[in-house]
Amino acid sequence: MAKPEAVTDATFEAEVVNSDLPVLVDFWADWCQPCKMIAPIVDELSDEYDGVVKFTKVDVDSNPNTPMSLGIRSIPTLIVFRNGQPVEQIVGAMPKAQLKRRLDSALE
């Protein structure tokens, strides 16, 4: 069962930017209720896309530099990276089907 991997400011480049696979990064915080609502959906998608997309999470409170450098102003924010570049940004919680459509379009 694949689970999103915790990434820090120190490991972001190695784990996300330099990844051979597309990467979905979930920027979240423990106090964020919408983040808690979307987390199980992200977990389910990480299983469905295992081996196709790498799923990661960045705690914005513990790792402020990465979200700041990407201009993230609200959470949850999900960003899909391909070849080290952001190709899709999804802000806020949404139903699984809608999130899956956005992820699929980013992978085309």
PDB file of N, CA and C in Angstrom:
ATOM      1  N   MET A   1       0.844  -1.186   0.000  1.00  0.00           N
ATOM      2  CA  MET A   1       0.000   0.000   0.000  1.00  0.00           C
ATOM      3  C   MET A   1       0.887   1.246   0.000  1.00  0.00           C
ATOM      4  N   ALA A   2       0.812   1.988  -1.038  1.00  0.00           N
ATOM      5  CA  ALA A   2       1.626   3.202  -1.156  1.00  0.00           C
ATOM      6  C   ALA A   2       1.028   4.311  -0.299  1.00  0.00           C
ATOM      7  N   LYS A   3       1.862   5.044   0.361  1.00  0.00           N
ATOM      8  CA  LYS A   3       1.425   6.202   1.138  1.00  0.00           C
ATOM      9  C   LYS A   3       2.271   7.394   0.713  1.00  0.00           C
ATOM     10  N   PRO A   4       1.692   8.589   0.780  1.00  0.00           N
ATOM     11  CA  PRO A   4       2.511   9.763   0.465  1.00  0.00           C
ATOM     12  C   PRO A   4       3.717   9.854   1.404  1.00  0.00           C
ATOM     13  N   GLU A   5       4.845  10.166   0.837  1.00  0.00           N
ATOM     14  CA  GLU A   5       6.108  10.242   1.564  1.00  0.00           C
ATOM     15  C   GLU A   5       6.327  11.678   2.055  1.00  0.00           C
ATOM     16  N   ALA A   6       6.716  11.809   3.310  1.00  0.00           N
ATOM     17  CA  ALA A   6       7.000  13.139   3.857  1.00  0.00           C
ATOM     18  C   ALA A   6       8.276  13.694   3.226  1.00  0.00           C
ATOM     19  N   VAL A   7       8.191  14.929   2.752  1.00  0.00           N
ATOM     20  CA  VAL A   7       9.324  15.619   2.135  1.00  0.00           C
ATOM     21  C   VAL A   7       9.554  16.906   2.910  1.00  0.00           C
ATOM     22  N   THR A   8      10.815  17.273   3.068  1.00  0.00           N
ATOM     23  CA  THR A   8      11.172  18.484   3.804  1.00  0.00           C
ATOM     24  C   THR A   8      11.814  19.495   2.861  1.00  0.00           C
ATOM     25  N   ASP A   9      12.054  20.699   3.387  1.00  0.00           N
ATOM     26  CA  ASP A   9      12.788  21.689   2.594  1.00  0.00           C
ATOM     27  C   ASP A   9      14.115  21.111   2.119  1.00  0.00           C
ATOM     28  N   ALA A  10      14.769  20.331   2.989  1.00  0.00           N
ATOM     29  CA  ALA A  10      16.094  19.786   2.674  1.00  0.00           C
ATOM     30  C   ALA A  10      16.040  18.681   1.620  1.00  0.00           C
ATOM     31  N   THR A  11      14.932  17.931   1.555  1.00  0.00           N
ATOM     32  CA  THR A  11      14.863  16.794   0.623  1.00  0.00           C
ATOM     33  C   THR A  11      14.002  17.069  -0.609  1.00  0.00           C
ATOM     34  N   PHE A  12      13.395  18.257  -0.695  1.00  0.00           N
ATOM     35  CA  PHE A  12      12.452  18.552  -1.778  1.00  0.00           C
ATOM     36  C   PHE A  12      13.087  18.397  -3.159  1.00  0.00           C
ATOM     37  N   GLU A  13      14.248  18.964  -3.348  1.00  0.00           N
ATOM     38  CA  GLU A  13      14.883  18.893  -4.673  1.00  0.00           C
ATOM     39  C   GLU A  13      15.162  17.451  -5.081  1.00  0.00           C
ATOM     40  N   ALA A  14      15.742  16.674  -4.166  1.00  0.00           N
ATOM     41  CA  ALA A  14      16.080  15.285  -4.485  1.00  0.00           C
ATOM     42  C   ALA A  14      14.833  14.438  -4.723  1.00  0.00           C
ATOM     43  N   GLU A  15      13.800  14.615  -3.903  1.00  0.00           N
ATOM     44  CA  GLU A  15      12.620  13.761  -3.963  1.00  0.00           C
ATOM     45  C   GLU A  15      11.597  14.193  -5.011  1.00  0.00           C
ATOM     46  N   VAL A  16      11.512  15.493  -5.293  1.00  0.00           N
ATOM     47  CA  VAL A  16      10.475  16.000  -6.199  1.00  0.00           C
ATOM     48  C   VAL A  16      11.073  16.478  -7.516  1.00  0.00           C
ATOM     49  N   VAL A  17      11.953  17.461  -7.443  1.00  0.00           N
ATOM     50  CA  VAL A  17      12.501  18.071  -8.662  1.00  0.00           C
ATOM     51  C   VAL A  17      13.289  17.057  -9.486  1.00  0.00           C
ATOM     52  N   ASN A  18      14.050  16.182  -8.825  1.00  0.00           N
ATOM     53  CA  ASN A  18      14.896  15.231  -9.542  1.00  0.00           C
ATOM     54  C   ASN A  18      14.251  13.861  -9.738  1.00  0.00           C
ATOM     55  N   SER A  19      12.958  13.735  -9.452  1.00  0.00           N
ATOM     56  CA  SER A  19      12.275  12.449  -9.584  1.00  0.00           C
ATOM     57  C   SER A  19      12.101  12.066 -11.051  1.00  0.00           C
ATOM     58  N   ASP A  20      12.256  10.789 -11.336  1.00  0.00           N
ATOM     59  CA  ASP A  20      12.011  10.277 -12.686  1.00  0.00           C
ATOM     60  C   ASP A  20      10.516  10.192 -12.982  1.00  0.00           C
ATOM     61  N   LEU A  21       9.713   9.997 -11.948  1.00  0.00           N
ATOM     62  CA  LEU A  21       8.260   9.919 -12.096  1.00  0.00           C
ATOM     63  C   LEU A  21       7.633  11.300 -11.903  1.00  0.00           C
ATOM     64  N   PRO A  22       6.432  11.526 -12.446  1.00  0.00           N
ATOM     65  CA  PRO A  22       5.687  12.726 -12.043  1.00  0.00           C
ATOM     66  C   PRO A  22       5.436  12.658 -10.532  1.00  0.00           C
ATOM     67  N   VAL A  23       5.363  13.802  -9.888  1.00  0.00           N
ATOM     68  CA  VAL A  23       5.201  13.846  -8.432  1.00  0.00           C
ATOM     69  C   VAL A  23       4.026  14.756  -8.078  1.00  0.00           C
ATOM     70  N   LEU A  24       3.127  14.254  -7.231  1.00  0.00           N
ATOM     71  CA  LEU A  24       2.082  15.087  -6.652  1.00  0.00           C
ATOM     72  C   LEU A  24       2.550  15.459  -5.244  1.00  0.00           C
ATOM     73  N   VAL A  25       2.622  16.754  -4.974  1.00  0.00           N
ATOM     74  CA  VAL A  25       3.033  17.240  -3.658  1.00  0.00           C
ATOM     75  C   VAL A  25       1.822  17.844  -2.966  1.00  0.00           C
ATOM     76  N   ASP A  26       1.516  17.338  -1.782  1.00  0.00           N
ATOM     77  CA  ASP A  26       0.411  17.825  -0.957  1.00  0.00           C
ATOM     78  C   ASP A  26       1.001  18.753   0.108  1.00  0.00           C
ATOM     79  N   PHE A  27       0.749  20.050  -0.034  1.00  0.00           N
ATOM     80  CA  PHE A  27       1.188  21.017   0.978  1.00  0.00           C
ATOM     81  C   PHE A  27       0.064  21.136   2.002  1.00  0.00           C
ATOM     82  N   TRP A  28       0.375  20.848   3.269  1.00  0.00           N
ATOM     83  CA  TRP A  28      -0.643  20.725   4.296  1.00  0.00           C
ATOM     84  C   TRP A  28      -0.113  21.204   5.642  1.00  0.00           C
ATOM     85  N   ALA A  29      -1.012  21.255   6.628  1.00  0.00           N
ATOM     86  CA  ALA A  29      -0.636  21.521   8.021  1.00  0.00           C
ATOM     87  C   ALA A  29      -1.584  20.748   8.927  1.00  0.00           C
ATOM     88  N   ASP A  30      -1.109  20.406  10.103  1.00  0.00           N
ATOM     89  CA  ASP A  30      -1.873  19.599  11.047  1.00  0.00           C
ATOM     90  C   ASP A  30      -3.167  20.284  11.491  1.00  0.00           C
ATOM     91  N   TRP A  31      -3.171  21.585  11.577  1.00  0.00           N
ATOM     92  CA  TRP A  31      -4.339  22.344  12.053  1.00  0.00           C
ATOM     93  C   TRP A  31      -5.374  22.605  10.958  1.00  0.00           C
ATOM     94  N   CYS A  32      -5.074  22.251   9.724  1.00  0.00           N
ATOM     95  CA  CYS A  32      -5.909  22.589   8.560  1.00  0.00           C
ATOM     96  C   CYS A  32      -6.997  21.527   8.350  1.00  0.00           C
ATOM     97  N   GLN A  33      -8.270  21.901   8.592  1.00  0.00           N
ATOM     98  CA  GLN A  33      -9.372  20.948   8.423  1.00  0.00           C
ATOM     99  C   GLN A  33      -9.550  20.486   6.971  1.00  0.00           C
ATOM    100  N   PRO A  34      -9.537  21.384   5.978  1.00  0.00           N
ATOM    101  CA  PRO A  34      -9.637  20.894   4.589  1.00  0.00           C
ATOM    102  C   PRO A  34      -8.487  19.949   4.221  1.00  0.00           C
ATOM    103  N   CYS A  35      -7.308  20.155   4.816  1.00  0.00           N
ATOM    104  CA  CYS A  35      -6.180  19.244   4.575  1.00  0.00           C
ATOM    105  C   CYS A  35      -6.522  17.840   5.072  1.00  0.00           C
ATOM    106  N   LYS A  36      -7.171  17.780   6.242  1.00  0.00           N
ATOM    107  CA  LYS A  36      -7.563  16.485   6.803  1.00  0.00           C
ATOM    108  C   LYS A  36      -8.659  15.834   5.969  1.00  0.00           C
ATOM    109  N   MET A  37      -9.493  16.658   5.328  1.00  0.00           N
ATOM    110  CA  MET A  37     -10.557  16.119   4.482  1.00  0.00           C
ATOM    111  C   MET A  37      -9.991  15.500   3.203  1.00  0.00           C
ATOM    112  N   ILE A  38      -8.961  16.102   2.652  1.00  0.00           N
ATOM    113  CA  ILE A  38      -8.424  15.624   1.375  1.00  0.00           C
ATOM    114  C   ILE A  38      -7.374  14.515   1.560  1.00  0.00           C
ATOM    115  N   ALA A  39      -6.803  14.399   2.753  1.00  0.00           N
ATOM    116  CA  ALA A  39      -5.732  13.416   2.988  1.00  0.00           C
ATOM    117  C   ALA A  39      -6.137  11.978   2.642  1.00  0.00           C
ATOM    118  N   PRO A  40      -7.325  11.500   3.053  1.00  0.00           N
ATOM    119  CA  PRO A  40      -7.690  10.121   2.673  1.00  0.00           C
ATOM    120  C   PRO A  40      -7.834   9.934   1.166  1.00  0.00           C
ATOM    121  N   ILE A  41      -8.269  10.974   0.471  1.00  0.00           N
ATOM    122  CA  ILE A  41      -8.394  10.912  -0.988  1.00  0.00           C
ATOM    123  C   ILE A  41      -7.006  10.803  -1.616  1.00  0.00           C
ATOM    124  N   VAL A  42      -6.069  11.606  -1.119  1.00  0.00           N
ATOM    125  CA  VAL A  42      -4.695  11.552  -1.620  1.00  0.00           C
ATOM    126  C   VAL A  42      -4.098  10.168  -1.349  1.00  0.00           C
ATOM    127  N   ASP A  43      -4.387   9.598  -0.167  1.00  0.00           N
ATOM    128  CA  ASP A  43      -3.906   8.246   0.150  1.00  0.00           C
ATOM    129  C   ASP A  43      -4.456   7.220  -0.835  1.00  0.00           C
ATOM    130  N   GLU A  44      -5.769   7.298  -1.140  1.00  0.00           N
ATOM    131  CA  GLU A  44      -6.376   6.368  -2.097  1.00  0.00           C
ATOM    132  C   GLU A  44      -5.745   6.508  -3.477  1.00  0.00           C
ATOM    133  N   LEU A  45      -5.550   7.751  -3.916  1.00  0.00           N
ATOM    134  CA  LEU A  45      -4.944   7.973  -5.230  1.00  0.00           C
ATOM    135  C   LEU A  45      -3.504   7.472  -5.271  1.00  0.00           C
ATOM    136  N   SER A  46      -2.798   7.571  -4.141  1.00  0.00           N
ATOM    137  CA  SER A  46      -1.412   7.087  -4.121  1.00  0.00           C
ATOM    138  C   SER A  46      -1.366   5.583  -4.372  1.00  0.00           C
ATOM    139  N   ASP A  47      -2.398   4.861  -3.916  1.00  0.00           N
ATOM    140  CA  ASP A  47      -2.483   3.424  -4.215  1.00  0.00           C
ATOM    141  C   ASP A  47      -2.825   3.193  -5.683  1.00  0.00           C
ATOM    142  N   GLU A  48      -3.790   3.953  -6.198  1.00  0.00           N
ATOM    143  CA  GLU A  48      -4.244   3.764  -7.577  1.00  0.00           C
ATOM    144  C   GLU A  48      -3.160   4.109  -8.600  1.00  0.00           C
ATOM    145  N   TYR A  49      -2.320   5.077  -8.272  1.00  0.00           N
ATOM    146  CA  TYR A  49      -1.280   5.523  -9.205  1.00  0.00           C
ATOM    147  C   TYR A  49       0.103   5.012  -8.813  1.00  0.00           C
ATOM    148  N   ASP A  50       0.159   3.989  -7.972  1.00  0.00           N
ATOM    149  CA  ASP A  50       1.440   3.436  -7.509  1.00  0.00           C
ATOM    150  C   ASP A  50       2.288   3.018  -8.705  1.00  0.00           C
ATOM    151  N   GLY A  51       3.521   3.504  -8.760  1.00  0.00           N
ATOM    152  CA  GLY A  51       4.423   3.199  -9.858  1.00  0.00           C
ATOM    153  C   GLY A  51       4.286   4.136 -11.045  1.00  0.00           C
ATOM    154  N   VAL A  52       3.227   4.966 -11.051  1.00  0.00           N
ATOM    155  CA  VAL A  52       2.996   5.907 -12.145  1.00  0.00           C
ATOM    156  C   VAL A  52       3.265   7.339 -11.689  1.00  0.00           C
ATOM    157  N   VAL A  53       2.813   7.652 -10.460  1.00  0.00           N
ATOM    158  CA  VAL A  53       2.995   8.976  -9.868  1.00  0.00           C
ATOM    159  C   VAL A  53       3.534   8.778  -8.458  1.00  0.00           C
ATOM    160  N   LYS A  54       4.516   9.581  -8.094  1.00  0.00           N
ATOM    161  CA  LYS A  54       5.041   9.577  -6.731  1.00  0.00           C
ATOM    162  C   LYS A  54       4.237  10.594  -5.922  1.00  0.00           C
ATOM    163  N   PHE A  55       3.750  10.195  -4.760  1.00  0.00           N
ATOM    164  CA  PHE A  55       2.962  11.072  -3.896  1.00  0.00           C
ATOM    165  C   PHE A  55       3.794  11.488  -2.690  1.00  0.00           C
ATOM    166  N   THR A  56       3.823  12.791  -2.431  1.00  0.00           N
ATOM    167  CA  THR A  56       4.587  13.315  -1.306  1.00  0.00           C
ATOM    168  C   THR A  56       3.753  14.341  -0.551  1.00  0.00           C
ATOM    169  N   LYS A  57       4.184  14.639   0.681  1.00  0.00           N
ATOM    170  CA  LYS A  57       3.510  15.634   1.519  1.00  0.00           C
ATOM    171  C   LYS A  57       4.566  16.564   2.102  1.00  0.00           C
ATOM    172  N   VAL A  58       4.239  17.848   2.163  1.00  0.00           N
ATOM    173  CA  VAL A  58       5.126  18.831   2.802  1.00  0.00           C
ATOM    174  C   VAL A  58       4.322  19.537   3.886  1.00  0.00           C
ATOM    175  N   ASP A  59       4.764  19.405   5.129  1.00  0.00           N
ATOM    176  CA  ASP A  59       4.149  20.114   6.247  1.00  0.00           C
ATOM    177  C   ASP A  59       4.651  21.560   6.194  1.00  0.00           C
ATOM    178  N   VAL A  60       3.743  22.488   5.890  1.00  0.00           N
ATOM    179  CA  VAL A  60       4.152  23.878   5.657  1.00  0.00           C
ATOM    180  C   VAL A  60       4.645  24.569   6.930  1.00  0.00           C
ATOM    181  N   ASP A  61       4.212  24.081   8.092  1.00  0.00           N
ATOM    182  CA  ASP A  61       4.682  24.680   9.351  1.00  0.00           C
ATOM    183  C   ASP A  61       6.128  24.301   9.648  1.00  0.00           C
ATOM    184  N   SER A  62       6.485  23.061   9.387  1.00  0.00           N
ATOM    185  CA  SER A  62       7.854  22.583   9.646  1.00  0.00           C
ATOM    186  C   SER A  62       8.814  22.922   8.514  1.00  0.00           C
ATOM    187  N   ASN A  63       8.269  23.172   7.327  1.00  0.00           N
ATOM    188  CA  ASN A  63       9.095  23.401   6.134  1.00  0.00           C
ATOM    189  C   ASN A  63       8.571  24.617   5.375  1.00  0.00           C
ATOM    190  N   PRO A  64       8.813  25.827   5.873  1.00  0.00           N
ATOM    191  CA  PRO A  64       8.232  27.022   5.258  1.00  0.00           C
ATOM    192  C   PRO A  64       8.918  27.484   3.975  1.00  0.00           C
ATOM    193  N   ASN A  65      10.157  27.099   3.743  1.00  0.00           N
ATOM    194  CA  ASN A  65      10.905  27.633   2.601  1.00  0.00           C
ATOM    195  C   ASN A  65      10.361  27.171   1.257  1.00  0.00           C
ATOM    196  N   THR A  66      10.050  25.894   1.135  1.00  0.00           N
ATOM    197  CA  THR A  66       9.564  25.365  -0.140  1.00  0.00           C
ATOM    198  C   THR A  66       8.226  25.990  -0.529  1.00  0.00           C
ATOM    199  N   PRO A  67       7.207  25.999   0.368  1.00  0.00           N
ATOM    200  CA  PRO A  67       5.949  26.633  -0.023  1.00  0.00           C
ATOM    201  C   PRO A  67       6.121  28.114  -0.359  1.00  0.00           C
ATOM    202  N   MET A  68       6.991  28.800   0.381  1.00  0.00           N
ATOM    203  CA  MET A  68       7.211  30.220   0.114  1.00  0.00           C
ATOM    204  C   MET A  68       7.839  30.413  -1.269  1.00  0.00           C
ATOM    205  N   SER A  69       8.805  29.563  -1.618  1.00  0.00           N
ATOM    206  CA  SER A  69       9.477  29.703  -2.915  1.00  0.00           C
ATOM    207  C   SER A  69       8.526  29.398  -4.073  1.00  0.00           C
ATOM    208  N   LEU A  70       7.474  28.614  -3.813  1.00  0.00           N
ATOM    209  CA  LEU A  70       6.502  28.270  -4.853  1.00  0.00           C
ATOM    210  C   LEU A  70       5.289  29.195  -4.836  1.00  0.00           C
ATOM    211  N   GLY A  71       5.279  30.160  -3.917  1.00  0.00           N
ATOM    212  CA  GLY A  71       4.192  31.129  -3.867  1.00  0.00           C
ATOM    213  C   GLY A  71       2.888  30.574  -3.332  1.00  0.00           C
ATOM    214  N   ILE A  72       2.959  29.559  -2.495  1.00  0.00           N
ATOM    215  CA  ILE A  72       1.739  28.966  -1.940  1.00  0.00           C
ATOM    216  C   ILE A  72       1.201  29.870  -0.836  1.00  0.00           C
ATOM    217  N   ARG A  73      -0.056  30.255  -0.983  1.00  0.00           N
ATOM    218  CA  ARG A  73      -0.685  31.177  -0.037  1.00  0.00           C
ATOM    219  C   ARG A  73      -1.796  30.541   0.780  1.00  0.00           C
ATOM    220  N   SER A  74      -2.331  29.409   0.332  1.00  0.00           N
ATOM    221  CA  SER A  74      -3.374  28.733   1.100  1.00  0.00           C
ATOM    222  C   SER A  74      -3.175  27.225   0.987  1.00  0.00           C
ATOM    223  N   ILE A  75      -3.699  26.523   1.974  1.00  0.00           N
ATOM    224  CA  ILE A  75      -3.596  25.066   1.981  1.00  0.00           C
ATOM    225  C   ILE A  75      -4.982  24.481   2.212  1.00  0.00           C
ATOM    226  N   PRO A  76      -5.245  23.282   1.740  1.00  0.00           N
ATOM    227  CA  PRO A  76      -4.304  22.447   1.015  1.00  0.00           C
ATOM    228  C   PRO A  76      -4.064  22.956  -0.405  1.00  0.00           C
ATOM    229  N   THR A  77      -2.821  22.840  -0.820  1.00  0.00           N
ATOM    230  CA  THR A  77      -2.457  23.064  -2.212  1.00  0.00           C
ATOM    231  C   THR A  77      -1.735  21.815  -2.680  1.00  0.00           C
ATOM    232  N   LEU A  78      -2.171  21.285  -3.805  1.00  0.00           N
ATOM    233  CA  LEU A  78      -1.518  20.134  -4.419  1.00  0.00           C
ATOM    234  C   LEU A  78      -0.878  20.623  -5.703  1.00  0.00           C
ATOM    235  N   ILE A  79       0.383  20.280  -5.896  1.00  0.00           N
ATOM    236  CA  ILE A  79       1.077  20.640  -7.131  1.00  0.00           C
ATOM    237  C   ILE A  79       1.617  19.367  -7.770  1.00  0.00           C
ATOM    238  N   VAL A  80       1.360  19.219  -9.061  1.00  0.00           N
ATOM    239  CA  VAL A  80       1.905  18.099  -9.818  1.00  0.00           C
ATOM    240  C   VAL A  80       3.141  18.593 -10.553  1.00  0.00           C
ATOM    241  N   PHE A  81       4.256  17.896 -10.335  1.00  0.00           N
ATOM    242  CA  PHE A  81       5.524  18.208 -11.003  1.00  0.00           C
ATOM    243  C   PHE A  81       5.811  17.137 -12.038  1.00  0.00           C
ATOM    244  N   ARG A  82       6.226  17.573 -13.226  1.00  0.00           N
ATOM    245  CA  ARG A  82       6.727  16.665 -14.266  1.00  0.00           C
ATOM    246  C   ARG A  82       8.065  17.207 -14.731  1.00  0.00           C
ATOM    247  N   ASN A  83       9.045  16.331 -14.796  1.00  0.00           N
ATOM    248  CA  ASN A  83      10.396  16.726 -15.209  1.00  0.00           C
ATOM    249  C   ASN A  83      10.897  17.913 -14.392  1.00  0.00           C
ATOM    250  N   GLY A  84      10.569  17.906 -13.098  1.00  0.00           N
ATOM    251  CA  GLY A  84      11.066  18.933 -12.191  1.00  0.00           C
ATOM    252  C   GLY A  84      10.320  20.246 -12.221  1.00  0.00           C
ATOM    253  N   GLN A  85       9.287  20.347 -13.063  1.00  0.00           N
ATOM    254  CA  GLN A  85       8.545  21.604 -13.209  1.00  0.00           C
ATOM    255  C   GLN A  85       7.085  21.425 -12.781  1.00  0.00           C
ATOM    256  N   PRO A  86       6.514  22.439 -12.104  1.00  0.00           N
ATOM    257  CA  PRO A  86       5.090  22.351 -11.772  1.00  0.00           C
ATOM    258  C   PRO A  86       4.237  22.467 -13.034  1.00  0.00           C
ATOM    259  N   VAL A  87       3.298  21.518 -13.198  1.00  0.00           N
ATOM    260  CA  VAL A  87       2.436  21.530 -14.385  1.00  0.00           C
ATOM    261  C   VAL A  87       0.961  21.700 -14.022  1.00  0.00           C
ATOM    262  N   GLU A  88       0.622  21.538 -12.754  1.00  0.00           N
ATOM    263  CA  GLU A  88      -0.767  21.694 -12.313  1.00  0.00           C
ATOM    264  C   GLU A  88      -0.763  22.087 -10.844  1.00  0.00           C
ATOM    265  N   GLN A  89      -1.620  23.040 -10.490  1.00  0.00           N
ATOM    266  CA  GLN A  89      -1.767  23.448  -9.094  1.00  0.00           C
ATOM    267  C   GLN A  89      -3.243  23.384  -8.738  1.00  0.00           C
ATOM    268  N   ILE A  90      -3.540  22.681  -7.667  1.00  0.00           N
ATOM    269  CA  ILE A  90      -4.909  22.480  -7.213  1.00  0.00           C
ATOM    270  C   ILE A  90      -5.001  23.036  -5.798  1.00  0.00           C
ATOM    271  N   VAL A  91      -5.883  24.009  -5.596  1.00  0.00           N
ATOM    272  CA  VAL A  91      -6.014  24.638  -4.286  1.00  0.00           C
ATOM    273  C   VAL A  91      -7.360  24.267  -3.681  1.00  0.00           C
ATOM    274  N   GLY A  92      -7.322  23.799  -2.434  1.00  0.00           N
ATOM    275  CA  GLY A  92      -8.550  23.473  -1.714  1.00  0.00           C
ATOM    276  C   GLY A  92      -8.942  22.020  -1.846  1.00  0.00           C
ATOM    277  N   ALA A  93      -9.831  21.609  -0.949  1.00  0.00           N
ATOM    278  CA  ALA A  93     -10.339  20.240  -0.971  1.00  0.00           C
ATOM    279  C   ALA A  93     -11.376  20.106  -2.073  1.00  0.00           C
ATOM    280  N   MET A  94     -11.441  18.912  -2.663  1.00  0.00           N
ATOM    281  CA  MET A  94     -12.430  18.646  -3.708  1.00  0.00           C
ATOM    282  C   MET A  94     -12.725  17.158  -3.718  1.00  0.00           C
ATOM    283  N   PRO A  95     -13.825  16.755  -4.346  1.00  0.00           N
ATOM    284  CA  PRO A  95     -14.159  15.332  -4.427  1.00  0.00           C
ATOM    285  C   PRO A  95     -13.086  14.546  -5.191  1.00  0.00           C
ATOM    286  N   LYS A  96     -12.995  13.257  -4.880  1.00  0.00           N
ATOM    287  CA  LYS A  96     -11.980  12.397  -5.488  1.00  0.00           C
ATOM    288  C   LYS A  96     -12.056  12.407  -7.011  1.00  0.00           C
ATOM    289  N   ALA A  97     -13.259  12.309  -7.572  1.00  0.00           N
ATOM    290  CA  ALA A  97     -13.396  12.245  -9.029  1.00  0.00           C
ATOM    291  C   ALA A  97     -12.829  13.498  -9.686  1.00  0.00           C
ATOM    292  N   GLN A  98     -13.077  14.643  -9.094  1.00  0.00           N
ATOM    293  CA  GLN A  98     -12.579  15.901  -9.649  1.00  0.00           C
ATOM    294  C   GLN A  98     -11.055  15.975  -9.527  1.00  0.00           C
ATOM    295  N   LEU A  99     -10.522  15.568  -8.385  1.00  0.00           N
ATOM    296  CA  LEU A  99      -9.077  15.570  -8.186  1.00  0.00           C
ATOM    297  C   LEU A  99      -8.409  14.605  -9.161  1.00  0.00           C
ATOM    298  N   LYS A 100      -9.018  13.453  -9.372  1.00  0.00           N
ATOM    299  CA  LYS A 100      -8.470  12.460 -10.300  1.00  0.00           C
ATOM    300  C   LYS A 100      -8.449  13.012 -11.729  1.00  0.00           C
ATOM    301  N   ARG A 101      -9.524  13.709 -12.134  1.00  0.00           N
ATOM    302  CA  ARG A 101      -9.543  14.317 -13.477  1.00  0.00           C
ATOM    303  C   ARG A 101      -8.412  15.329 -13.638  1.00  0.00           C
ATOM    304  N   ARG A 102      -8.198  16.145 -12.613  1.00  0.00           N
ATOM    305  CA  ARG A 102      -7.123  17.167 -12.680  1.00  0.00           C
ATOM    306  C   ARG A 102      -5.755  16.492 -12.761  1.00  0.00           C
ATOM    307  N   LEU A 103      -5.570  15.419 -11.995  1.00  0.00           N
ATOM    308  CA  LEU A 103      -4.305  14.693 -12.018  1.00  0.00           C
ATOM    309  C   LEU A 103      -4.091  14.039 -13.386  1.00  0.00           C
ATOM    310  N   ASP A 104      -5.132  13.398 -13.901  1.00  0.00           N
ATOM    311  CA  ASP A 104      -5.013  12.754 -15.216  1.00  0.00           C
ATOM    312  C   ASP A 104      -4.661  13.773 -16.309  1.00  0.00           C
ATOM    313  N   SER A 105      -5.288  14.941 -16.274  1.00  0.00           N
ATOM    314  CA  SER A 105      -4.997  15.946 -17.308  1.00  0.00           C
ATOM    315  C   SER A 105      -3.568  16.459 -17.183  1.00  0.00           C
ATOM    316  N   ALA A 106      -3.038  16.505 -15.963  1.00  0.00           N
ATOM    317  CA  ALA A 106      -1.649  16.937 -15.771  1.00  0.00           C
ATOM    318  C   ALA A 106      -0.658  15.896 -16.276  1.00  0.00           C
ATOM    319  N   LEU A 107      -1.086  14.662 -16.367  1.00  0.00           N
ATOM    320  CA  LEU A 107      -0.200  13.572 -16.799  1.00  0.00           C
ATOM    321  C   LEU A 107      -0.200  13.368 -18.299  1.00  0.00           C
ATOM    322  N   GLU A 108      -1.122  13.998 -19.023  1.00  0.00           N
ATOM    323  CA  GLU A 108      -1.216  13.786 -20.466  1.00  0.00           C
ATOM    324  C   GLU A 108      -0.041  14.387 -21.203  1.00  0.00           C
TER     325      GLU A 108
END
